[in-house]
Amino acid sequence: GASNSFTIARRFKVTQRARNAHAHVNCFLVAELSESLVVKQSRVVFGGVTNSVSLAVKTADSLANTSLNDVSLAHTLEVFEKELLNDLGGINSSPDLLVSQKFLLSTAKNCIYKFFLYANERFAPAKFPADLLGSGDESIPRGVSSGLQSFGIDVDSLPVTAPVPKIAARLQASGEAKYAQDHNVPSGEGLGLHGSLVYADRCNTRLASVNWQSIDKDRHPQVVGHADARDMSALSLGKNFLTPGEALFLESGRMVSHVGVVVGMVVASTEEAARAAAAEVVIDYIDCSSSEGGE
């Protein structure tokens, strides 16, 4: 830009876990600003909020010739929500989502909010000192993960403790190994069944119940059943099926520790029907105070 302007850029990735997880929301914002923090031009790009990567043109246009203050922030968030719902195809409705549409919208808005905080703390410190903004604009660094494990050899226990190549290592490393997903399961009544997990889309709350009646059976006649924690208890699988203390499905009344906790599974004669029906399941929660934690 011109000598009396500068450009700032911020990118965000909100994931379920810190490592090895796809993003719920991706965001990139870049703006050319004057010395008085007036936006000359900008670009706003989101991923995950809609069904495809979205360039929020109207949101960027609303920032032009405005100062990055609380008034323009409120206006920008309002424009963004309207553009998202009316021009960008609406909020992501994929059955693969592990979070609610409300979560996606609020997270996307928070990315814009953090961009405003960053610009003001960095370039208007007199007006917005760091102790006023707190940690709102700070990023959480995620360095490259690494690890090292060392194992000794006990000669009295050979060949146990010796570094013996895994029998299936070559097949797995070459990609020739076949896993369950690599085999075509016959579809149709009596030929094979498919399951689709149902995930909690809220956290810091307690699970009240899983409403299986919310599945439209007329639209999904291929659905043959469902399972949750009550079924595991009936089959006496609750205590010995997995590691002690680790439940296959979350039980009613238990704390939902994070978004994505498995609460049940839909079973159908086709994979598509199972996934579509699982997306219709309504989960009821018991709100908890912000100070409540644990079990």
C-alpha atoms as a PDB file:
ATOM      1  CA  GLY A   1       0.000   0.000   0.000  1.00  0.00           C
ATOM      2  CA  ALA A   2       0.986   3.685   0.181  1.00  0.00           C
ATOM      3  CA  SER A   3       3.670   4.883   2.590  1.00  0.00           C
ATOM      4  CA  ASN A   4       1.078   6.207   5.045  1.00  0.00           C
ATOM      5  CA  SER A   5      -0.726   2.869   5.295  1.00  0.00           C
ATOM      6  CA  PHE A   6       0.135  -0.643   6.439  1.00  0.00           C
ATOM      7  CA  THR A   7      -1.353  -4.113   6.156  1.00  0.00           C
ATOM      8  CA  ILE A   8      -2.207  -6.554   8.925  1.00  0.00           C
ATOM      9  CA  ALA A   9      -3.280 -10.170   8.502  1.00  0.00           C
ATOM     10  CA  ARG A  10      -4.577 -12.741  10.947  1.00  0.00           C
ATOM     11  CA  ARG A  11      -5.476 -16.389  10.493  1.00  0.00           C
ATOM     12  CA  PHE A  12      -7.406 -18.632  12.864  1.00  0.00           C
ATOM     13  CA  LYS A  13      -7.983 -22.364  13.179  1.00  0.00           C
ATOM     14  CA  VAL A  14     -10.435 -23.659  15.763  1.00  0.00           C
ATOM     15  CA  THR A  15     -10.170 -27.428  16.253  1.00  0.00           C
ATOM     16  CA  GLN A  16     -11.559 -30.139  18.476  1.00  0.00           C
ATOM     17  CA  ARG A  17      -8.059 -31.037  19.688  1.00  0.00           C
ATOM     18  CA  ALA A  18      -4.675 -29.355  19.607  1.00  0.00           C
ATOM     19  CA  ARG A  19      -3.158 -32.125  17.482  1.00  0.00           C
ATOM     20  CA  ASN A  20      -4.255 -34.261  14.544  1.00  0.00           C
ATOM     21  CA  ALA A  21      -7.696 -32.740  14.110  1.00  0.00           C
ATOM     22  CA  HIS A  22      -9.476 -31.011  11.270  1.00  0.00           C
ATOM     23  CA  ALA A  23     -10.738 -27.494  11.898  1.00  0.00           C
ATOM     24  CA  HIS A  24     -14.288 -26.677  12.901  1.00  0.00           C
ATOM     25  CA  VAL A  25     -13.657 -23.145  11.634  1.00  0.00           C
ATOM     26  CA  ASN A  26     -10.843 -21.636   9.556  1.00  0.00           C
ATOM     27  CA  CYS A  27     -10.589 -17.897   9.060  1.00  0.00           C
ATOM     28  CA  PHE A  28      -8.242 -15.468   7.324  1.00  0.00           C
ATOM     29  CA  LEU A  29      -8.606 -11.685   7.567  1.00  0.00           C
ATOM     30  CA  VAL A  30      -6.351  -9.091   5.955  1.00  0.00           C
ATOM     31  CA  ALA A  31      -6.817  -5.326   5.900  1.00  0.00           C
ATOM     32  CA  GLU A  32      -4.937  -2.285   4.666  1.00  0.00           C
ATOM     33  CA  LEU A  33      -5.173   0.444   7.307  1.00  0.00           C
ATOM     34  CA  SER A  34      -4.288   4.092   7.485  1.00  0.00           C
ATOM     35  CA  GLU A  35      -2.227   5.463  10.356  1.00  0.00           C
ATOM     36  CA  SER A  36      -5.474   6.358  12.132  1.00  0.00           C
ATOM     37  CA  LEU A  37      -6.695   2.728  11.847  1.00  0.00           C
ATOM     38  CA  VAL A  38      -9.221   3.466   9.109  1.00  0.00           C
ATOM     39  CA  VAL A  39      -9.707   0.504   6.788  1.00  0.00           C
ATOM     40  CA  LYS A  40      -8.877   1.171   3.150  1.00  0.00           C
ATOM     41  CA  GLN A  41      -9.584  -2.299   1.869  1.00  0.00           C
ATOM     42  CA  SER A  42      -9.910  -5.770   3.327  1.00  0.00           C
ATOM     43  CA  ARG A  43     -10.614  -9.407   2.605  1.00  0.00           C
ATOM     44  CA  VAL A  44     -12.432 -11.937   4.802  1.00  0.00           C
ATOM     45  CA  VAL A  45     -12.288 -15.680   4.058  1.00  0.00           C
ATOM     46  CA  PHE A  46     -13.907 -18.475   6.070  1.00  0.00           C
ATOM     47  CA  GLY A  47     -13.779 -22.252   5.909  1.00  0.00           C
ATOM     48  CA  GLY A  48     -16.045 -24.681   7.726  1.00  0.00           C
ATOM     49  CA  VAL A  49     -18.749 -22.114   8.475  1.00  0.00           C
ATOM     50  CA  THR A  50     -20.532 -22.837   5.189  1.00  0.00           C
ATOM     51  CA  ASN A  51     -20.495 -25.935   3.021  1.00  0.00           C
ATOM     52  CA  SER A  52     -17.484 -24.586   1.110  1.00  0.00           C
ATOM     53  CA  VAL A  53     -14.739 -21.991   1.503  1.00  0.00           C
ATOM     54  CA  SER A  54     -16.433 -18.586   1.478  1.00  0.00           C
ATOM     55  CA  LEU A  55     -15.217 -15.127   0.557  1.00  0.00           C
ATOM     56  CA  ALA A  56     -17.332 -12.693   2.605  1.00  0.00           C
ATOM     57  CA  VAL A  57     -17.421  -9.809   0.112  1.00  0.00           C
ATOM     58  CA  LYS A  58     -20.171  -7.761   1.776  1.00  0.00           C
ATOM     59  CA  THR A  59     -18.492  -8.115   5.156  1.00  0.00           C
ATOM     60  CA  ALA A  60     -15.234  -6.813   3.710  1.00  0.00           C
ATOM     61  CA  ASP A  61     -17.046  -3.958   1.950  1.00  0.00           C
ATOM     62  CA  SER A  62     -18.715  -2.939   5.222  1.00  0.00           C
ATOM     63  CA  LEU A  63     -15.269  -2.376   6.737  1.00  0.00           C
ATOM     64  CA  ALA A  64     -14.169   0.076   4.041  1.00  0.00           C
ATOM     65  CA  ASN A  65     -13.604   3.631   5.317  1.00  0.00           C
ATOM     66  CA  THR A  66     -14.425   2.653   8.903  1.00  0.00           C
ATOM     67  CA  SER A  67     -12.360   2.730  12.065  1.00  0.00           C
ATOM     68  CA  LEU A  68     -11.783  -0.507  13.943  1.00  0.00           C
ATOM     69  CA  ASN A  69     -13.822   0.388  17.023  1.00  0.00           C
ATOM     70  CA  ASP A  70     -16.759  -1.096  18.912  1.00  0.00           C
ATOM     71  CA  VAL A  71     -19.338   0.628  16.700  1.00  0.00           C
ATOM     72  CA  SER A  72     -17.901  -0.713  13.445  1.00  0.00           C
ATOM     73  CA  LEU A  73     -17.410  -4.118  15.086  1.00  0.00           C
ATOM     74  CA  ALA A  74     -21.120  -4.411  15.894  1.00  0.00           C
ATOM     75  CA  HIS A  75     -22.025  -3.334  12.352  1.00  0.00           C
ATOM     76  CA  THR A  76     -19.527  -5.744  10.776  1.00  0.00           C
ATOM     77  CA  LEU A  77     -20.824  -8.712  12.789  1.00  0.00           C
ATOM     78  CA  GLU A  78     -24.386  -7.860  11.791  1.00  0.00           C
ATOM     79  CA  VAL A  79     -23.449  -7.645   8.103  1.00  0.00           C
ATOM     80  CA  PHE A  80     -21.493 -10.897   8.323  1.00  0.00           C
ATOM     81  CA  GLU A  81     -24.401 -12.851   9.803  1.00  0.00           C
ATOM     82  CA  LYS A  82     -26.823 -11.544   7.161  1.00  0.00           C
ATOM     83  CA  GLU A  83     -24.356 -12.310   4.360  1.00  0.00           C
ATOM     84  CA  LEU A  84     -23.759 -15.785   5.760  1.00  0.00           C
ATOM     85  CA  LEU A  85     -27.457 -16.614   5.868  1.00  0.00           C
ATOM     86  CA  ASN A  86     -28.603 -14.867   2.691  1.00  0.00           C
ATOM     87  CA  ASP A  87     -25.691 -14.853   0.239  1.00  0.00           C
ATOM     88  CA  LEU A  88     -23.258 -17.633   1.189  1.00  0.00           C
ATOM     89  CA  GLY A  89     -25.699 -20.528   1.273  1.00  0.00           C
ATOM     90  CA  GLY A  90     -26.364 -20.565   4.994  1.00  0.00           C
ATOM     91  CA  ILE A  91     -24.466 -22.157   7.850  1.00  0.00           C
ATOM     92  CA  ASN A  92     -22.814 -25.516   7.221  1.00  0.00           C
ATOM     93  CA  SER A  93     -25.411 -28.309   7.487  1.00  0.00           C
ATOM     94  CA  SER A  94     -23.187 -31.290   6.700  1.00  0.00           C
ATOM     95  CA  PRO A  95     -24.099 -34.470   8.626  1.00  0.00           C
ATOM     96  CA  ASP A  96     -20.376 -34.853   9.384  1.00  0.00           C
ATOM     97  CA  LEU A  97     -20.408 -31.826  11.695  1.00  0.00           C
ATOM     98  CA  LEU A  98     -19.416 -32.464  15.291  1.00  0.00           C
ATOM     99  CA  VAL A  99     -20.656 -29.058  16.429  1.00  0.00           C
ATOM    100  CA  SER A 100     -23.872 -27.081  16.193  1.00  0.00           C
ATOM    101  CA  GLN A 101     -24.575 -24.339  13.664  1.00  0.00           C
ATOM    102  CA  LYS A 102     -24.816 -21.899  16.568  1.00  0.00           C
ATOM    103  CA  PHE A 103     -21.267 -22.833  17.553  1.00  0.00           C
ATOM    104  CA  LEU A 104     -19.988 -22.227  14.007  1.00  0.00           C
ATOM    105  CA  LEU A 105     -21.633 -18.801  13.816  1.00  0.00           C
ATOM    106  CA  SER A 106     -20.404 -17.626  17.231  1.00  0.00           C
ATOM    107  CA  THR A 107     -16.876 -18.919  16.550  1.00  0.00           C
ATOM    108  CA  ALA A 108     -16.707 -17.153  13.189  1.00  0.00           C
ATOM    109  CA  LYS A 109     -17.848 -13.907  14.806  1.00  0.00           C
ATOM    110  CA  ASN A 110     -15.230 -14.340  17.498  1.00  0.00           C
ATOM    111  CA  CYS A 111     -12.512 -14.506  14.825  1.00  0.00           C
ATOM    112  CA  ILE A 112     -13.578 -11.089  13.542  1.00  0.00           C
ATOM    113  CA  TYR A 113     -13.683  -9.789  17.110  1.00  0.00           C
ATOM    114  CA  LYS A 114     -10.139 -11.016  17.782  1.00  0.00           C
ATOM    115  CA  PHE A 115      -8.965  -9.299  14.591  1.00  0.00           C
ATOM    116  CA  PHE A 116     -10.305  -5.978  15.924  1.00  0.00           C
ATOM    117  CA  LEU A 117      -8.603  -6.572  19.279  1.00  0.00           C
ATOM    118  CA  TYR A 118      -5.302  -7.396  17.620  1.00  0.00           C
ATOM    119  CA  ALA A 119      -5.313  -4.242  15.484  1.00  0.00           C
ATOM    120  CA  ASN A 120      -6.122  -1.954  18.400  1.00  0.00           C
ATOM    121  CA  GLU A 121      -3.691  -3.434  20.914  1.00  0.00           C
ATOM    122  CA  ARG A 122      -0.835  -3.469  18.419  1.00  0.00           C
ATOM    123  CA  PHE A 123      -1.387  -0.116  16.756  1.00  0.00           C
ATOM    124  CA  ALA A 124      -3.399   1.966  19.231  1.00  0.00           C
ATOM    125  CA  PRO A 125      -1.821   1.022  22.583  1.00  0.00           C
ATOM    126  CA  ALA A 126      -2.579   4.405  24.137  1.00  0.00           C
ATOM    127  CA  LYS A 127      -6.291   3.989  23.476  1.00  0.00           C
ATOM    128  CA  PHE A 128      -6.446   0.254  24.183  1.00  0.00           C
ATOM    129  CA  PRO A 129      -3.682  -0.777  26.610  1.00  0.00           C
ATOM    130  CA  ALA A 130      -2.863  -4.454  27.003  1.00  0.00           C
ATOM    131  CA  ASP A 131      -4.219  -4.624  30.558  1.00  0.00           C
ATOM    132  CA  LEU A 132      -7.602  -3.436  29.246  1.00  0.00           C
ATOM    133  CA  LEU A 133      -7.835  -5.980  26.441  1.00  0.00           C
ATOM    134  CA  GLY A 134      -6.387  -8.823  28.496  1.00  0.00           C
ATOM    135  CA  SER A 135      -5.522 -11.950  26.534  1.00  0.00           C
ATOM    136  CA  GLY A 136      -8.324 -11.517  24.023  1.00  0.00           C
ATOM    137  CA  ASP A 137      -6.110 -11.055  20.987  1.00  0.00           C
ATOM    138  CA  GLU A 138      -3.374 -13.506  21.918  1.00  0.00           C
ATOM    139  CA  SER A 139      -2.834 -16.623  19.843  1.00  0.00           C
ATOM    140  CA  ILE A 140      -2.104 -20.040  21.304  1.00  0.00           C
ATOM    141  CA  PRO A 141       1.127 -21.236  19.679  1.00  0.00           C
ATOM    142  CA  ARG A 142       1.073 -24.784  18.375  1.00  0.00           C
ATOM    143  CA  GLY A 143       4.594 -25.895  17.572  1.00  0.00           C
ATOM    144  CA  VAL A 144       5.528 -29.012  15.658  1.00  0.00           C
ATOM    145  CA  SER A 145       4.978 -32.018  17.882  1.00  0.00           C
ATOM    146  CA  SER A 146       7.747 -34.542  18.416  1.00  0.00           C
ATOM    147  CA  GLY A 147       8.651 -37.319  20.790  1.00  0.00           C
ATOM    148  CA  LEU A 148      11.350 -39.794  21.658  1.00  0.00           C
ATOM    149  CA  GLN A 149      11.059 -43.145  23.382  1.00  0.00           C
ATOM    150  CA  SER A 150      14.032 -45.305  24.333  1.00  0.00           C
ATOM    151  CA  PHE A 151      13.726 -49.005  25.131  1.00  0.00           C
ATOM    152  CA  GLY A 152      16.390 -51.282  26.525  1.00  0.00           C
ATOM    153  CA  ILE A 153      16.851 -54.943  25.660  1.00  0.00           C
ATOM    154  CA  ASP A 154      16.625 -57.521  28.425  1.00  0.00           C
ATOM    155  CA  VAL A 155      18.848 -60.370  27.236  1.00  0.00           C
ATOM    156  CA  ASP A 156      17.235 -62.746  29.714  1.00  0.00           C
ATOM    157  CA  SER A 157      13.829 -62.216  28.035  1.00  0.00           C
ATOM    158  CA  LEU A 158      14.783 -62.523  24.350  1.00  0.00           C
ATOM    159  CA  PRO A 159      13.149 -62.421  21.888  1.00  0.00           C
ATOM    160  CA  VAL A 160      10.773 -60.392  24.093  1.00  0.00           C
ATOM    161  CA  THR A 161      12.051 -56.758  24.412  1.00  0.00           C
ATOM    162  CA  ALA A 162      14.045 -57.107  21.150  1.00  0.00           C
ATOM    163  CA  PRO A 163      13.217 -54.666  18.303  1.00  0.00           C
ATOM    164  CA  VAL A 164      11.429 -57.133  16.015  1.00  0.00           C
ATOM    165  CA  PRO A 165       9.708 -55.701  12.907  1.00  0.00           C
ATOM    166  CA  LYS A 166       5.943 -55.880  13.035  1.00  0.00           C
ATOM    167  CA  ILE A 167       4.611 -58.613  10.766  1.00  0.00           C
ATOM    168  CA  ALA A 168       2.137 -56.302   9.019  1.00  0.00           C
ATOM    169  CA  ALA A 169       4.513 -53.326   8.856  1.00  0.00           C
ATOM    170  CA  ARG A 170       5.335 -53.634   5.152  1.00  0.00           C
ATOM    171  CA  LEU A 171       1.696 -54.008   4.172  1.00  0.00           C
ATOM    172  CA  GLN A 172       0.666 -51.001   6.242  1.00  0.00           C
ATOM    173  CA  ALA A 173       3.569 -48.777   5.130  1.00  0.00           C
ATOM    174  CA  SER A 174       2.992 -49.592   1.465  1.00  0.00           C
ATOM    175  CA  GLY A 175      -0.729 -48.979   1.642  1.00  0.00           C
ATOM    176  CA  GLU A 176      -1.561 -52.534   0.660  1.00  0.00           C
ATOM    177  CA  ALA A 177      -3.133 -53.415   4.014  1.00  0.00           C
ATOM    178  CA  LYS A 178      -6.906 -53.668   3.918  1.00  0.00           C
ATOM    179  CA  TYR A 179      -8.981 -52.085   6.665  1.00  0.00           C
ATOM    180  CA  ALA A 180     -12.696 -52.253   7.317  1.00  0.00           C
ATOM    181  CA  GLN A 181     -13.317 -49.053   5.357  1.00  0.00           C
ATOM    182  CA  ASP A 182     -11.555 -50.522   2.317  1.00  0.00           C
ATOM    183  CA  HIS A 183     -14.115 -53.295   1.886  1.00  0.00           C
ATOM    184  CA  ASN A 184     -17.476 -52.700   0.239  1.00  0.00           C
ATOM    185  CA  VAL A 185     -20.204 -53.791   2.632  1.00  0.00           C
ATOM    186  CA  PRO A 186     -23.263 -55.067   0.737  1.00  0.00           C
ATOM    187  CA  SER A 187     -26.181 -52.698   1.152  1.00  0.00           C
ATOM    188  CA  GLY A 188     -29.816 -53.607   1.325  1.00  0.00           C
ATOM    189  CA  GLU A 189     -32.111 -55.440   3.670  1.00  0.00           C
ATOM    190  CA  GLY A 190     -30.508 -58.570   5.033  1.00  0.00           C
ATOM    191  CA  LEU A 191     -27.160 -57.924   3.317  1.00  0.00           C
ATOM    192  CA  GLY A 192     -25.339 -55.655   5.723  1.00  0.00           C
ATOM    193  CA  LEU A 193     -25.837 -52.908   8.271  1.00  0.00           C
ATOM    194  CA  HIS A 194     -24.116 -49.570   8.663  1.00  0.00           C
ATOM    195  CA  GLY A 195     -23.706 -47.497  11.807  1.00  0.00           C
ATOM    196  CA  SER A 196     -23.299 -43.748  12.243  1.00  0.00           C
ATOM    197  CA  LEU A 197     -22.249 -42.268  15.574  1.00  0.00           C
ATOM    198  CA  VAL A 198     -24.168 -39.445  17.233  1.00  0.00           C
ATOM    199  CA  TYR A 199     -21.950 -36.802  18.840  1.00  0.00           C
ATOM    200  CA  ALA A 200     -22.647 -34.208  21.524  1.00  0.00           C
ATOM    201  CA  ASP A 201     -22.556 -30.701  20.048  1.00  0.00           C
ATOM    202  CA  ARG A 202     -22.240 -28.899  23.393  1.00  0.00           C
ATOM    203  CA  CYS A 203     -19.895 -29.148  26.360  1.00  0.00           C
ATOM    204  CA  ASN A 204     -19.631 -27.961  29.971  1.00  0.00           C
ATOM    205  CA  THR A 205     -23.140 -29.285  30.482  1.00  0.00           C
ATOM    206  CA  ARG A 206     -24.786 -32.569  31.426  1.00  0.00           C
ATOM    207  CA  LEU A 207     -26.478 -35.008  29.079  1.00  0.00           C
ATOM    208  CA  ALA A 208     -30.200 -35.197  29.775  1.00  0.00           C
ATOM    209  CA  SER A 209     -31.349 -37.595  27.075  1.00  0.00           C
ATOM    210  CA  VAL A 210     -30.983 -38.608  23.440  1.00  0.00           C
ATOM    211  CA  ASN A 211     -34.249 -38.132  21.559  1.00  0.00           C
ATOM    212  CA  TRP A 212     -34.330 -40.939  19.001  1.00  0.00           C
ATOM    213  CA  GLN A 213     -37.937 -40.083  18.162  1.00  0.00           C
ATOM    214  CA  SER A 214     -36.667 -37.021  16.282  1.00  0.00           C
ATOM    215  CA  ILE A 215     -35.596 -39.286  13.385  1.00  0.00           C
ATOM    216  CA  ASP A 216     -38.070 -39.037  10.506  1.00  0.00           C
ATOM    217  CA  LYS A 217     -38.783 -42.731   9.885  1.00  0.00           C
ATOM    218  CA  ASP A 218     -40.876 -41.986   6.802  1.00  0.00           C
ATOM    219  CA  ARG A 219     -37.896 -40.242   5.206  1.00  0.00           C
ATOM    220  CA  HIS A 220     -35.414 -42.874   6.406  1.00  0.00           C
ATOM    221  CA  PRO A 221     -37.168 -46.256   6.153  1.00  0.00           C
ATOM    222  CA  GLN A 222     -33.750 -47.950   5.979  1.00  0.00           C
ATOM    223  CA  VAL A 223     -33.119 -47.217   9.675  1.00  0.00           C
ATOM    224  CA  VAL A 224     -33.406 -50.438  11.659  1.00  0.00           C
ATOM    225  CA  GLY A 225     -32.473 -49.286  15.128  1.00  0.00           C
ATOM    226  CA  HIS A 226     -30.232 -47.322  17.445  1.00  0.00           C
ATOM    227  CA  ALA A 227     -28.082 -47.823  20.525  1.00  0.00           C
ATOM    228  CA  ASP A 228     -27.033 -45.731  23.509  1.00  0.00           C
ATOM    229  CA  ALA A 229     -25.652 -46.215  27.014  1.00  0.00           C
ATOM    230  CA  ARG A 230     -28.825 -47.938  28.192  1.00  0.00           C
ATOM    231  CA  ASP A 231     -28.378 -50.688  25.614  1.00  0.00           C
ATOM    232  CA  MET A 232     -24.780 -51.251  26.688  1.00  0.00           C
ATOM    233  CA  SER A 233     -25.919 -51.691  30.290  1.00  0.00           C
ATOM    234  CA  ALA A 234     -28.616 -54.143  29.197  1.00  0.00           C
ATOM    235  CA  LEU A 235     -25.977 -56.221  27.393  1.00  0.00           C
ATOM    236  CA  SER A 236     -23.650 -56.103  30.418  1.00  0.00           C
ATOM    237  CA  LEU A 237     -21.023 -54.383  28.298  1.00  0.00           C
ATOM    238  CA  GLY A 238     -20.775 -51.235  30.354  1.00  0.00           C
ATOM    239  CA  LYS A 239     -17.986 -52.317  32.697  1.00  0.00           C
ATOM    240  CA  ASN A 240     -15.919 -54.915  30.887  1.00  0.00           C
ATOM    241  CA  PHE A 241     -16.259 -53.932  27.228  1.00  0.00           C
ATOM    242  CA  LEU A 242     -13.637 -51.186  27.327  1.00  0.00           C
ATOM    243  CA  THR A 243     -10.946 -49.844  29.626  1.00  0.00           C
ATOM    244  CA  PRO A 244     -12.344 -49.477  33.172  1.00  0.00           C
ATOM    245  CA  GLY A 245     -13.922 -46.057  33.572  1.00  0.00           C
ATOM    246  CA  GLU A 246     -14.232 -45.534  29.801  1.00  0.00           C
ATOM    247  CA  ALA A 247     -17.806 -45.792  28.546  1.00  0.00           C
ATOM    248  CA  LEU A 248     -18.682 -46.614  24.952  1.00  0.00           C
ATOM    249  CA  PHE A 249     -21.568 -44.119  25.022  1.00  0.00           C
ATOM    250  CA  LEU A 250     -22.049 -41.251  27.481  1.00  0.00           C
ATOM    251  CA  GLU A 251     -24.710 -41.969  30.090  1.00  0.00           C
ATOM    252  CA  SER A 252     -27.573 -39.597  30.886  1.00  0.00           C
ATOM    253  CA  GLY A 253     -26.743 -37.274  33.748  1.00  0.00           C
ATOM    254  CA  ARG A 254     -23.002 -37.375  33.090  1.00  0.00           C
ATOM    255  CA  MET A 255     -20.942 -34.281  32.320  1.00  0.00           C
ATOM    256  CA  VAL A 256     -20.234 -33.645  28.620  1.00  0.00           C
ATOM    257  CA  SER A 257     -16.507 -32.992  28.798  1.00  0.00           C
ATOM    258  CA  HIS A 258     -16.049 -31.809  25.218  1.00  0.00           C
ATOM    259  CA  VAL A 259     -17.813 -31.353  21.895  1.00  0.00           C
ATOM    260  CA  GLY A 260     -17.749 -34.664  20.054  1.00  0.00           C
ATOM    261  CA  VAL A 261     -18.461 -37.041  22.949  1.00  0.00           C
ATOM    262  CA  VAL A 262     -20.261 -40.096  21.533  1.00  0.00           C
ATOM    263  CA  VAL A 263     -23.785 -40.467  22.937  1.00  0.00           C
ATOM    264  CA  GLY A 264     -25.196 -43.156  20.646  1.00  0.00           C
ATOM    265  CA  MET A 265     -25.337 -44.743  17.213  1.00  0.00           C
ATOM    266  CA  VAL A 266     -27.910 -45.099  14.450  1.00  0.00           C
ATOM    267  CA  VAL A 267     -28.013 -48.369  12.500  1.00  0.00           C
ATOM    268  CA  ALA A 268     -29.419 -48.595   8.964  1.00  0.00           C
ATOM    269  CA  SER A 269     -29.240 -50.816   5.887  1.00  0.00           C
ATOM    270  CA  THR A 270     -27.311 -48.138   3.958  1.00  0.00           C
ATOM    271  CA  GLU A 271     -24.483 -45.850   4.984  1.00  0.00           C
ATOM    272  CA  GLU A 272     -26.241 -42.777   3.589  1.00  0.00           C
ATOM    273  CA  ALA A 273     -29.402 -43.416   5.603  1.00  0.00           C
ATOM    274  CA  ALA A 274     -27.456 -43.996   8.810  1.00  0.00           C
ATOM    275  CA  ARG A 275     -25.551 -40.734   8.435  1.00  0.00           C
ATOM    276  CA  ALA A 276     -28.632 -38.713   7.489  1.00  0.00           C
ATOM    277  CA  ALA A 277     -30.680 -40.109  10.372  1.00  0.00           C
ATOM    278  CA  ALA A 278     -27.866 -39.510  12.867  1.00  0.00           C
ATOM    279  CA  ALA A 279     -27.830 -35.851  11.825  1.00  0.00           C
ATOM    280  CA  GLU A 280     -31.527 -35.567  12.810  1.00  0.00           C
ATOM    281  CA  VAL A 281     -31.107 -36.873  16.362  1.00  0.00           C
ATOM    282  CA  VAL A 282     -31.899 -34.221  18.965  1.00  0.00           C
ATOM    283  CA  ILE A 283     -29.815 -34.207  22.132  1.00  0.00           C
ATOM    284  CA  ASP A 284     -31.204 -32.641  25.303  1.00  0.00           C
ATOM    285  CA  TYR A 285     -28.867 -31.142  27.880  1.00  0.00           C
ATOM    286  CA  ILE A 286     -29.027 -29.961  31.479  1.00  0.00           C
ATOM    287  CA  ASP A 287     -27.428 -26.536  31.797  1.00  0.00           C
ATOM    288  CA  CYS A 288     -24.764 -26.232  34.457  1.00  0.00           C
ATOM    289  CA  SER A 289     -23.266 -23.239  36.165  1.00  0.00           C
ATOM    290  CA  SER A 290     -19.931 -22.083  34.776  1.00  0.00           C
ATOM    291  CA  SER A 291     -18.250 -23.075  38.045  1.00  0.00           C
ATOM    292  CA  GLU A 292     -19.445 -26.677  37.971  1.00  0.00           C
ATOM    293  CA  GLY A 293     -16.947 -29.256  36.781  1.00  0.00           C
ATOM    294  CA  GLY A 294     -16.028 -32.905  36.985  1.00  0.00           C
ATOM    295  CA  GLU A 295     -18.622 -35.503  37.768  1.00  0.00           C
END
